[in-house]
Amino acid sequence: MFHEHCVYVFQTAHLALIDALMQAFSREIMSVERVTQVVRRFASFNASSELPSDTEDAILFWVNKVCVTVQKRLEAEQDNVIEGGETNQKVDIVMKKLDSVFLV
């Protein structure tokens, strides 16, 4: 019983430490200004109503804009698909383009 309790305490402390390190890293690397600059490269938004207020909001804002943009591009691609379907090569090219646009 004692051993199980120690494992739980150490695991909880470990998770808290990892969480704190991840938060510190994200605050250091991700700033609201940097995220909005990146988002402006691939999406438009209303700065007065959509601008994130902190790092966590900025990350969620970026994820949301990436998802919306990818969905729009996939729908546009689907509308332009030739009846034979897409090849894997075309999919790879599209993915490389998306990677270069969305990286923070």
PDB file of N, CA and C in Angstrom:
ATOM      1  N   MET A   1       0.823  -1.180   0.000  1.00  0.00           N
ATOM      2  CA  MET A   1       0.000   0.000   0.000  1.00  0.00           C
ATOM      3  C   MET A   1       0.875   1.254   0.000  1.00  0.00           C
ATOM      4  N   PHE A   2       1.917   1.252   0.833  1.00  0.00           N
ATOM      5  CA  PHE A   2       2.802   2.406   0.906  1.00  0.00           C
ATOM      6  C   PHE A   2       3.470   2.654  -0.446  1.00  0.00           C
ATOM      7  N   HIS A   3       3.898   1.587  -1.087  1.00  0.00           N
ATOM      8  CA  HIS A   3       4.583   1.699  -2.378  1.00  0.00           C
ATOM      9  C   HIS A   3       3.670   2.334  -3.427  1.00  0.00           C
ATOM     10  N   GLU A   4       2.420   1.910  -3.485  1.00  0.00           N
ATOM     11  CA  GLU A   4       1.478   2.471  -4.460  1.00  0.00           C
ATOM     12  C   GLU A   4       1.277   3.958  -4.225  1.00  0.00           C
ATOM     13  N   HIS A   5       1.201   4.370  -2.963  1.00  0.00           N
ATOM     14  CA  HIS A   5       1.032   5.783  -2.635  1.00  0.00           C
ATOM     15  C   HIS A   5       2.253   6.597  -3.087  1.00  0.00           C
ATOM     16  N   CYS A   6       3.456   6.067  -2.873  1.00  0.00           N
ATOM     17  CA  CYS A   6       4.680   6.762  -3.292  1.00  0.00           C
ATOM     18  C   CYS A   6       4.730   6.927  -4.801  1.00  0.00           C
ATOM     19  N   VAL A   7       4.360   5.871  -5.511  1.00  0.00           N
ATOM     20  CA  VAL A   7       4.349   5.931  -6.966  1.00  0.00           C
ATOM     21  C   VAL A   7       3.382   7.015  -7.432  1.00  0.00           C
ATOM     22  N   TYR A   8       2.213   7.077  -6.808  1.00  0.00           N
ATOM     23  CA  TYR A   8       1.223   8.087  -7.172  1.00  0.00           C
ATOM     24  C   TYR A   8       1.761   9.498  -6.915  1.00  0.00           C
ATOM     25  N   VAL A   9       2.398   9.714  -5.780  1.00  0.00           N
ATOM     26  CA  VAL A   9       2.937  11.029  -5.431  1.00  0.00           C
ATOM     27  C   VAL A   9       4.039  11.415  -6.404  1.00  0.00           C
ATOM     28  N   PHE A  10       4.956  10.486  -6.690  1.00  0.00           N
ATOM     29  CA  PHE A  10       6.041  10.775  -7.620  1.00  0.00           C
ATOM     30  C   PHE A  10       5.504  11.031  -9.027  1.00  0.00           C
ATOM     31  N   GLN A  11       4.519  10.260  -9.445  1.00  0.00           N
ATOM     32  CA  GLN A  11       3.929  10.446 -10.766  1.00  0.00           C
ATOM     33  C   GLN A  11       3.237  11.810 -10.853  1.00  0.00           C
ATOM     34  N   THR A  12       2.507  12.195  -9.822  1.00  0.00           N
ATOM     35  CA  THR A  12       1.835  13.490  -9.796  1.00  0.00           C
ATOM     36  C   THR A  12       2.857  14.626  -9.838  1.00  0.00           C
ATOM     37  N   ALA A  13       3.918  14.500  -9.056  1.00  0.00           N
ATOM     38  CA  ALA A  13       4.970  15.524  -9.045  1.00  0.00           C
ATOM     39  C   ALA A  13       5.658  15.597 -10.405  1.00  0.00           C
ATOM     40  N   HIS A  14       5.909  14.442 -10.995  1.00  0.00           N
ATOM     41  CA  HIS A  14       6.551  14.388 -12.310  1.00  0.00           C
ATOM     42  C   HIS A  14       5.668  15.082 -13.356  1.00  0.00           C
ATOM     43  N   LEU A  15       4.381  14.782 -13.364  1.00  0.00           N
ATOM     44  CA  LEU A  15       3.467  15.395 -14.327  1.00  0.00           C
ATOM     45  C   LEU A  15       3.384  16.910 -14.121  1.00  0.00           C
ATOM     46  N   ALA A  16       3.370  17.348 -12.875  1.00  0.00           N
ATOM     47  CA  ALA A  16       3.336  18.786 -12.590  1.00  0.00           C
ATOM     48  C   ALA A  16       4.606  19.469 -13.092  1.00  0.00           C
ATOM     49  N   LEU A  17       5.746  18.825 -12.900  1.00  0.00           N
ATOM     50  CA  LEU A  17       7.013  19.378 -13.375  1.00  0.00           C
ATOM     51  C   LEU A  17       7.038  19.457 -14.895  1.00  0.00           C
ATOM     52  N   ILE A  18       6.640  18.394 -15.567  1.00  0.00           N
ATOM     53  CA  ILE A  18       6.603  18.378 -17.035  1.00  0.00           C
ATOM     54  C   ILE A  18       5.658  19.452 -17.554  1.00  0.00           C
ATOM     55  N   ASP A  19       4.503  19.592 -16.928  1.00  0.00           N
ATOM     56  CA  ASP A  19       3.540  20.610 -17.324  1.00  0.00           C
ATOM     57  C   ASP A  19       4.140  22.008 -17.179  1.00  0.00           C
ATOM     58  N   ALA A  20       4.822  22.262 -16.084  1.00  0.00           N
ATOM     59  CA  ALA A  20       5.439  23.566 -15.861  1.00  0.00           C
ATOM     60  C   ALA A  20       6.531  23.847 -16.889  1.00  0.00           C
ATOM     61  N   LEU A  21       7.333  22.840 -17.200  1.00  0.00           N
ATOM     62  CA  LEU A  21       8.380  23.006 -18.212  1.00  0.00           C
ATOM     63  C   LEU A  21       7.782  23.288 -19.593  1.00  0.00           C
ATOM     64  N   MET A  22       6.729  22.581 -19.934  1.00  0.00           N
ATOM     65  CA  MET A  22       6.077  22.798 -21.232  1.00  0.00           C
ATOM     66  C   MET A  22       5.477  24.196 -21.304  1.00  0.00           C
ATOM     67  N   GLN A  23       4.868  24.667 -20.226  1.00  0.00           N
ATOM     68  CA  GLN A  23       4.301  26.013 -20.206  1.00  0.00           C
ATOM     69  C   GLN A  23       5.400  27.062 -20.337  1.00  0.00           C
ATOM     70  N   ALA A  24       6.481  26.891 -19.626  1.00  0.00           N
ATOM     71  CA  ALA A  24       7.594  27.844 -19.714  1.00  0.00           C
ATOM     72  C   ALA A  24       8.165  27.876 -21.126  1.00  0.00           C
ATOM     73  N   PHE A  25       8.339  26.714 -21.714  1.00  0.00           N
ATOM     74  CA  PHE A  25       8.873  26.634 -23.078  1.00  0.00           C
ATOM     75  C   PHE A  25       7.928  27.300 -24.066  1.00  0.00           C
ATOM     76  N   SER A  26       6.628  27.009 -23.951  1.00  0.00           N
ATOM     77  CA  SER A  26       5.674  27.589 -24.905  1.00  0.00           C
ATOM     78  C   SER A  26       5.592  29.105 -24.742  1.00  0.00           C
ATOM     79  N   ARG A  27       5.696  29.613 -23.541  1.00  0.00           N
ATOM     80  CA  ARG A  27       5.680  31.066 -23.326  1.00  0.00           C
ATOM     81  C   ARG A  27       6.936  31.717 -23.895  1.00  0.00           C
ATOM     82  N   GLU A  28       8.042  31.000 -23.824  1.00  0.00           N
ATOM     83  CA  GLU A  28       9.298  31.535 -24.340  1.00  0.00           C
ATOM     84  C   GLU A  28       9.317  31.536 -25.869  1.00  0.00           C
ATOM     85  N   ILE A  29       8.818  30.478 -26.469  1.00  0.00           N
ATOM     86  CA  ILE A  29       8.865  30.314 -27.917  1.00  0.00           C
ATOM     87  C   ILE A  29       7.664  30.955 -28.606  1.00  0.00           C
ATOM     88  N   MET A  30       6.490  30.740 -28.054  1.00  0.00           N
ATOM     89  CA  MET A  30       5.257  31.205 -28.682  1.00  0.00           C
ATOM     90  C   MET A  30       4.821  32.512 -28.052  1.00  0.00           C
ATOM     91  N   SER A  31       4.764  33.544 -28.845  1.00  0.00           N
ATOM     92  CA  SER A  31       4.214  34.806 -28.369  1.00  0.00           C
ATOM     93  C   SER A  31       2.971  35.115 -29.194  1.00  0.00           C
ATOM     94  N   VAL A  32       2.094  35.915 -28.643  1.00  0.00           N
ATOM     95  CA  VAL A  32       0.877  36.294 -29.361  1.00  0.00           C
ATOM     96  C   VAL A  32       1.259  36.982 -30.668  1.00  0.00           C
ATOM     97  N   GLU A  33       2.261  37.852 -30.633  1.00  0.00           N
ATOM     98  CA  GLU A  33       2.684  38.573 -31.829  1.00  0.00           C
ATOM     99  C   GLU A  33       3.206  37.625 -32.907  1.00  0.00           C
ATOM    100  N   ARG A  34       4.024  36.673 -32.500  1.00  0.00           N
ATOM    101  CA  ARG A  34       4.598  35.732 -33.470  1.00  0.00           C
ATOM    102  C   ARG A  34       3.516  34.857 -34.097  1.00  0.00           C
ATOM    103  N   VAL A  35       2.597  34.390 -33.281  1.00  0.00           N
ATOM    104  CA  VAL A  35       1.511  33.545 -33.800  1.00  0.00           C
ATOM    105  C   VAL A  35       0.644  34.330 -34.777  1.00  0.00           C
ATOM    106  N   THR A  36       0.302  35.576 -34.434  1.00  0.00           N
ATOM    107  CA  THR A  36      -0.543  36.353 -35.346  1.00  0.00           C
ATOM    108  C   THR A  36       0.189  36.661 -36.650  1.00  0.00           C
ATOM    109  N   GLN A  37       1.494  36.868 -36.607  1.00  0.00           N
ATOM    110  CA  GLN A  37       2.268  37.076 -37.833  1.00  0.00           C
ATOM    111  C   GLN A  37       2.203  35.845 -38.726  1.00  0.00           C
ATOM    112  N   VAL A  38       2.336  34.680 -38.121  1.00  0.00           N
ATOM    113  CA  VAL A  38       2.280  33.434 -38.896  1.00  0.00           C
ATOM    114  C   VAL A  38       0.888  33.226 -39.480  1.00  0.00           C
ATOM    115  N   VAL A  39      -0.148  33.454 -38.686  1.00  0.00           N
ATOM    116  CA  VAL A  39      -1.518  33.257 -39.160  1.00  0.00           C
ATOM    117  C   VAL A  39      -1.827  34.200 -40.315  1.00  0.00           C
ATOM    118  N   ARG A  40      -1.318  35.410 -40.263  1.00  0.00           N
ATOM    119  CA  ARG A  40      -1.563  36.374 -41.352  1.00  0.00           C
ATOM    120  C   ARG A  40      -0.993  35.904 -42.680  1.00  0.00           C
ATOM    121  N   ARG A  41      -0.008  35.001 -42.649  1.00  0.00           N
ATOM    122  CA  ARG A  41       0.571  34.483 -43.898  1.00  0.00           C
ATOM    123  C   ARG A  41      -0.398  33.596 -44.653  1.00  0.00           C
ATOM    124  N   PHE A  42      -1.344  32.972 -43.958  1.00  0.00           N
ATOM    125  CA  PHE A  42      -2.228  32.028 -44.639  1.00  0.00           C
ATOM    126  C   PHE A  42      -3.710  32.248 -44.398  1.00  0.00           C
ATOM    127  N   ALA A  43      -4.097  33.162 -43.518  1.00  0.00           N
ATOM    128  CA  ALA A  43      -5.519  33.368 -43.236  1.00  0.00           C
ATOM    129  C   ALA A  43      -5.767  34.819 -42.852  1.00  0.00           C
ATOM    130  N   SER A  44      -6.982  35.242 -43.070  1.00  0.00           N
ATOM    131  CA  SER A  44      -7.358  36.578 -42.624  1.00  0.00           C
ATOM    132  C   SER A  44      -8.192  36.445 -41.354  1.00  0.00           C
ATOM    133  N   PHE A  45      -8.161  37.485 -40.543  1.00  0.00           N
ATOM    134  CA  PHE A  45      -8.946  37.478 -39.317  1.00  0.00           C
ATOM    135  C   PHE A  45      -9.189  38.906 -38.876  1.00  0.00           C
ATOM    136  N   ASN A  46     -10.199  39.073 -38.071  1.00  0.00           N
ATOM    137  CA  ASN A  46     -10.557  40.380 -37.537  1.00  0.00           C
ATOM    138  C   ASN A  46      -9.763  40.601 -36.255  1.00  0.00           C
ATOM    139  N   ALA A  47      -8.784  41.482 -36.311  1.00  0.00           N
ATOM    140  CA  ALA A  47      -7.897  41.682 -35.165  1.00  0.00           C
ATOM    141  C   ALA A  47      -8.625  42.217 -33.939  1.00  0.00           C
ATOM    142  N   SER A  48      -9.674  42.975 -34.141  1.00  0.00           N
ATOM    143  CA  SER A  48     -10.359  43.554 -32.985  1.00  0.00           C
ATOM    144  C   SER A  48     -11.179  42.520 -32.219  1.00  0.00           C
ATOM    145  N   SER A  49     -11.639  41.470 -32.890  1.00  0.00           N
ATOM    146  CA  SER A  49     -12.476  40.489 -32.194  1.00  0.00           C
ATOM    147  C   SER A  49     -11.817  39.121 -32.028  1.00  0.00           C
ATOM    148  N   GLU A  50     -10.833  38.792 -32.847  1.00  0.00           N
ATOM    149  CA  GLU A  50     -10.239  37.453 -32.804  1.00  0.00           C
ATOM    150  C   GLU A  50      -8.838  37.408 -32.217  1.00  0.00           C
ATOM    151  N   LEU A  51      -8.238  38.532 -31.948  1.00  0.00           N
ATOM    152  CA  LEU A  51      -6.862  38.554 -31.477  1.00  0.00           C
ATOM    153  C   LEU A  51      -6.738  37.835 -30.135  1.00  0.00           C
ATOM    154  N   PRO A  52      -5.826  36.860 -30.038  1.00  0.00           N
ATOM    155  CA  PRO A  52      -5.670  36.120 -28.778  1.00  0.00           C
ATOM    156  C   PRO A  52      -5.117  37.011 -27.677  1.00  0.00           C
ATOM    157  N   SER A  53      -5.474  36.675 -26.443  1.00  0.00           N
ATOM    158  CA  SER A  53      -5.063  37.503 -25.311  1.00  0.00           C
ATOM    159  C   SER A  53      -3.830  36.969 -24.581  1.00  0.00           C
ATOM    160  N   ASP A  54      -3.570  35.667 -24.703  1.00  0.00           N
ATOM    161  CA  ASP A  54      -2.402  35.093 -24.033  1.00  0.00           C
ATOM    162  C   ASP A  54      -1.856  33.948 -24.874  1.00  0.00           C
ATOM    163  N   THR A  55      -0.816  33.307 -24.359  1.00  0.00           N
ATOM    164  CA  THR A  55      -0.140  32.249 -25.116  1.00  0.00           C
ATOM    165  C   THR A  55      -1.066  31.084 -25.417  1.00  0.00           C
ATOM    166  N   GLU A  56      -1.830  30.655 -24.436  1.00  0.00           N
ATOM    167  CA  GLU A  56      -2.736  29.527 -24.640  1.00  0.00           C
ATOM    168  C   GLU A  56      -3.779  29.857 -25.707  1.00  0.00           C
ATOM    169  N   ASP A  57      -4.364  31.047 -25.635  1.00  0.00           N
ATOM    170  CA  ASP A  57      -5.324  31.470 -26.653  1.00  0.00           C
ATOM    171  C   ASP A  57      -4.664  31.562 -28.027  1.00  0.00           C
ATOM    172  N   ALA A  58      -3.407  32.002 -28.058  1.00  0.00           N
ATOM    173  CA  ALA A  58      -2.684  32.118 -29.321  1.00  0.00           C
ATOM    174  C   ALA A  58      -2.496  30.752 -29.979  1.00  0.00           C
ATOM    175  N   ILE A  59      -2.161  29.756 -29.173  1.00  0.00           N
ATOM    176  CA  ILE A  59      -1.979  28.401 -29.722  1.00  0.00           C
ATOM    177  C   ILE A  59      -3.302  27.853 -30.240  1.00  0.00           C
ATOM    178  N   LEU A  60      -4.371  28.043 -29.472  1.00  0.00           N
ATOM    179  CA  LEU A  60      -5.690  27.593 -29.928  1.00  0.00           C
ATOM    180  C   LEU A  60      -6.129  28.352 -31.180  1.00  0.00           C
ATOM    181  N   PHE A  61      -5.842  29.635 -31.235  1.00  0.00           N
ATOM    182  CA  PHE A  61      -6.146  30.467 -32.393  1.00  0.00           C
ATOM    183  C   PHE A  61      -5.434  29.930 -33.631  1.00  0.00           C
ATOM    184  N   TRP A  62      -4.135  29.619 -33.487  1.00  0.00           N
ATOM    185  CA  TRP A  62      -3.344  29.088 -34.600  1.00  0.00           C
ATOM    186  C   TRP A  62      -3.904  27.745 -35.079  1.00  0.00           C
ATOM    187  N   VAL A  63      -4.192  26.839 -34.133  1.00  0.00           N
ATOM    188  CA  VAL A  63      -4.739  25.523 -34.488  1.00  0.00           C
ATOM    189  C   VAL A  63      -6.066  25.684 -35.222  1.00  0.00           C
ATOM    190  N   ASN A  64      -6.928  26.553 -34.722  1.00  0.00           N
ATOM    191  CA  ASN A  64      -8.224  26.780 -35.353  1.00  0.00           C
ATOM    192  C   ASN A  64      -8.056  27.304 -36.774  1.00  0.00           C
ATOM    193  N   LYS A  65      -7.189  28.292 -36.970  1.00  0.00           N
ATOM    194  CA  LYS A  65      -6.988  28.868 -38.299  1.00  0.00           C
ATOM    195  C   LYS A  65      -6.358  27.855 -39.259  1.00  0.00           C
ATOM    196  N   VAL A  66      -5.453  27.035 -38.758  1.00  0.00           N
ATOM    197  CA  VAL A  66      -4.864  25.987 -39.598  1.00  0.00           C
ATOM    198  C   VAL A  66      -5.944  25.006 -40.049  1.00  0.00           C
ATOM    199  N   CYS A  67      -6.788  24.567 -39.122  1.00  0.00           N
ATOM    200  CA  CYS A  67      -7.846  23.605 -39.456  1.00  0.00           C
ATOM    201  C   CYS A  67      -8.822  24.184 -40.475  1.00  0.00           C
ATOM    202  N   VAL A  68      -9.236  25.421 -40.276  1.00  0.00           N
ATOM    203  CA  VAL A  68     -10.176  26.064 -41.205  1.00  0.00           C
ATOM    204  C   VAL A  68      -9.536  26.205 -42.584  1.00  0.00           C
ATOM    205  N   THR A  69      -8.277  26.623 -42.635  1.00  0.00           N
ATOM    206  CA  THR A  69      -7.589  26.806 -43.907  1.00  0.00           C
ATOM    207  C   THR A  69      -7.396  25.477 -44.629  1.00  0.00           C
ATOM    208  N   VAL A  70      -6.992  24.448 -43.897  1.00  0.00           N
ATOM    209  CA  VAL A  70      -6.821  23.120 -44.510  1.00  0.00           C
ATOM    210  C   VAL A  70      -8.154  22.611 -45.043  1.00  0.00           C
ATOM    211  N   GLN A  71      -9.209  22.784 -44.271  1.00  0.00           N
ATOM    212  CA  GLN A  71     -10.533  22.349 -44.724  1.00  0.00           C
ATOM    213  C   GLN A  71     -10.929  23.074 -46.009  1.00  0.00           C
ATOM    214  N   LYS A  72     -10.717  24.379 -46.073  1.00  0.00           N
ATOM    215  CA  LYS A  72     -11.054  25.139 -47.282  1.00  0.00           C
ATOM    216  C   LYS A  72     -10.229  24.679 -48.471  1.00  0.00           C
ATOM    217  N   ARG A  73      -8.945  24.442 -48.246  1.00  0.00           N
ATOM    218  CA  ARG A  73      -8.076  23.994 -49.350  1.00  0.00           C
ATOM    219  C   ARG A  73      -8.451  22.597 -49.817  1.00  0.00           C
ATOM    220  N   LEU A  74      -8.783  21.723 -48.880  1.00  0.00           N
ATOM    221  CA  LEU A  74      -9.196  20.371 -49.272  1.00  0.00           C
ATOM    222  C   LEU A  74     -10.504  20.399 -50.049  1.00  0.00           C
ATOM    223  N   GLU A  75     -11.433  21.255 -49.630  1.00  0.00           N
ATOM    224  CA  GLU A  75     -12.690  21.384 -50.367  1.00  0.00           C
ATOM    225  C   GLU A  75     -12.444  21.938 -51.764  1.00  0.00           C
ATOM    226  N   ALA A  76     -11.533  22.906 -51.884  1.00  0.00           N
ATOM    227  CA  ALA A  76     -11.194  23.461 -53.187  1.00  0.00           C
ATOM    228  C   ALA A  76     -10.525  22.407 -54.064  1.00  0.00           C
ATOM    229  N   GLU A  77      -9.618  21.629 -53.473  1.00  0.00           N
ATOM    230  CA  GLU A  77      -8.957  20.548 -54.218  1.00  0.00           C
ATOM    231  C   GLU A  77      -9.969  19.504 -54.670  1.00  0.00           C
ATOM    232  N   GLN A  78     -10.908  19.184 -53.790  1.00  0.00           N
ATOM    233  CA  GLN A  78     -11.915  18.184 -54.126  1.00  0.00           C
ATOM    234  C   GLN A  78     -12.776  18.660 -55.291  1.00  0.00           C
ATOM    235  N   ASP A  79     -13.060  19.934 -55.355  1.00  0.00           N
ATOM    236  CA  ASP A  79     -13.830  20.488 -56.452  1.00  0.00           C
ATOM    237  C   ASP A  79     -13.068  20.429 -57.764  1.00  0.00           C
ATOM    238  N   ASN A  80     -11.731  20.436 -57.684  1.00  0.00           N
ATOM    239  CA  ASN A  80     -10.894  20.447 -58.887  1.00  0.00           C
ATOM    240  C   ASN A  80     -10.345  19.075 -59.263  1.00  0.00           C
ATOM    241  N   VAL A  81     -10.740  18.037 -58.575  1.00  0.00           N
ATOM    242  CA  VAL A  81     -10.199  16.702 -58.839  1.00  0.00           C
ATOM    243  C   VAL A  81     -10.688  16.202 -60.202  1.00  0.00           C
ATOM    244  N   ILE A  82      -9.763  15.684 -60.947  1.00  0.00           N
ATOM    245  CA  ILE A  82     -10.108  15.066 -62.228  1.00  0.00           C
ATOM    246  C   ILE A  82     -10.687  13.694 -61.942  1.00  0.00           C
ATOM    247  N   GLU A  83     -11.567  13.200 -62.776  1.00  0.00           N
ATOM    248  CA  GLU A  83     -12.296  11.966 -62.491  1.00  0.00           C
ATOM    249  C   GLU A  83     -11.397  10.786 -62.150  1.00  0.00           C
ATOM    250  N   GLY A  84     -10.191  10.741 -62.615  1.00  0.00           N
ATOM    251  CA  GLY A  84      -9.296   9.630 -62.325  1.00  0.00           C
ATOM    252  C   GLY A  84      -8.809   9.617 -60.893  1.00  0.00           C
ATOM    253  N   GLY A  85      -8.990  10.684 -60.148  1.00  0.00           N
ATOM    254  CA  GLY A  85      -8.518  10.749 -58.761  1.00  0.00           C
ATOM    255  C   GLY A  85      -7.132  11.347 -58.686  1.00  0.00           C
ATOM    256  N   GLU A  86      -6.698  11.620 -57.470  1.00  0.00           N
ATOM    257  CA  GLU A  86      -5.376  12.202 -57.255  1.00  0.00           C
ATOM    258  C   GLU A  86      -4.342  11.101 -57.087  1.00  0.00           C
ATOM    259  N   THR A  87      -3.105  11.435 -57.455  1.00  0.00           N
ATOM    260  CA  THR A  87      -2.015  10.488 -57.236  1.00  0.00           C
ATOM    261  C   THR A  87      -1.361  10.787 -55.897  1.00  0.00           C
ATOM    262  N   ASN A  88      -0.605   9.835 -55.398  1.00  0.00           N
ATOM    263  CA  ASN A  88       0.119  10.043 -54.137  1.00  0.00           C
ATOM    264  C   ASN A  88       1.124  11.171 -54.261  1.00  0.00           C
ATOM    265  N   GLN A  89       1.707  11.335 -55.462  1.00  0.00           N
ATOM    266  CA  GLN A  89       2.684  12.386 -55.664  1.00  0.00           C
ATOM    267  C   GLN A  89       2.043  13.755 -55.439  1.00  0.00           C
ATOM    268  N   LYS A  90       0.844  13.962 -55.955  1.00  0.00           N
ATOM    269  CA  LYS A  90       0.169  15.241 -55.777  1.00  0.00           C
ATOM    270  C   LYS A  90      -0.141  15.475 -54.300  1.00  0.00           C
ATOM    271  N   VAL A  91      -0.547  14.459 -53.592  1.00  0.00           N
ATOM    272  CA  VAL A  91      -0.827  14.584 -52.162  1.00  0.00           C
ATOM    273  C   VAL A  91       0.438  14.968 -51.410  1.00  0.00           C
ATOM    274  N   ASP A  92       1.579  14.354 -51.747  1.00  0.00           N
ATOM    275  CA  ASP A  92       2.843  14.692 -51.104  1.00  0.00           C
ATOM    276  C   ASP A  92       3.208  16.150 -51.346  1.00  0.00           C
ATOM    277  N   ILE A  93       3.007  16.636 -52.555  1.00  0.00           N
ATOM    278  CA  ILE A  93       3.320  18.030 -52.882  1.00  0.00           C
ATOM    279  C   ILE A  93       2.436  18.971 -52.071  1.00  0.00           C
ATOM    280  N   VAL A  94       1.148  18.666 -51.984  1.00  0.00           N
ATOM    281  CA  VAL A  94       0.229  19.496 -51.208  1.00  0.00           C
ATOM    282  C   VAL A  94       0.647  19.509 -49.746  1.00  0.00           C
ATOM    283  N   MET A  95       1.014  18.363 -49.178  1.00  0.00           N
ATOM    284  CA  MET A  95       1.413  18.297 -47.781  1.00  0.00           C
ATOM    285  C   MET A  95       2.683  19.108 -47.531  1.00  0.00           C
ATOM    286  N   LYS A  96       3.657  19.066 -48.463  1.00  0.00           N
ATOM    287  CA  LYS A  96       4.880  19.851 -48.299  1.00  0.00           C
ATOM    288  C   LYS A  96       4.565  21.337 -48.327  1.00  0.00           C
ATOM    289  N   LYS A  97       3.649  21.758 -49.196  1.00  0.00           N
ATOM    290  CA  LYS A  97       3.252  23.156 -49.237  1.00  0.00           C
ATOM    291  C   LYS A  97       2.589  23.566 -47.930  1.00  0.00           C
ATOM    292  N   LEU A  98       1.711  22.711 -47.396  1.00  0.00           N
ATOM    293  CA  LEU A  98       1.045  23.027 -46.140  1.00  0.00           C
ATOM    294  C   LEU A  98       2.036  23.130 -44.997  1.00  0.00           C
ATOM    295  N   ASP A  99       3.014  22.230 -44.969  1.00  0.00           N
ATOM    296  CA  ASP A  99       4.039  22.265 -43.916  1.00  0.00           C
ATOM    297  C   ASP A  99       4.802  23.580 -43.945  1.00  0.00           C
ATOM    298  N   SER A 100       5.171  24.044 -45.125  1.00  0.00           N
ATOM    299  CA  SER A 100       5.959  25.271 -45.211  1.00  0.00           C
ATOM    300  C   SER A 100       5.166  26.506 -44.827  1.00  0.00           C
ATOM    301  N   VAL A 101       3.861  26.479 -44.995  1.00  0.00           N
ATOM    302  CA  VAL A 101       3.028  27.636 -44.693  1.00  0.00           C
ATOM    303  C   VAL A 101       2.689  27.709 -43.202  1.00  0.00           C
ATOM    304  N   PHE A 102       2.404  26.583 -42.565  1.00  0.00           N
ATOM    305  CA  PHE A 102       1.838  26.585 -41.231  1.00  0.00           C
ATOM    306  C   PHE A 102       2.841  26.493 -40.097  1.00  0.00           C
ATOM    307  N   LEU A 103       4.121  26.352 -40.391  1.00  0.00           N
ATOM    308  CA  LEU A 103       5.110  26.230 -39.321  1.00  0.00           C
ATOM    309  C   LEU A 103       5.312  27.553 -38.624  1.00  0.00           C
ATOM    310  N   VAL A 104       5.339  27.499 -37.296  1.00  0.00           N
ATOM    311  CA  VAL A 104       5.512  28.717 -36.486  1.00  0.00           C
ATOM    312  C   VAL A 104       6.971  28.936 -36.232  1.00  0.00           C
TER     313      VAL A 104
END
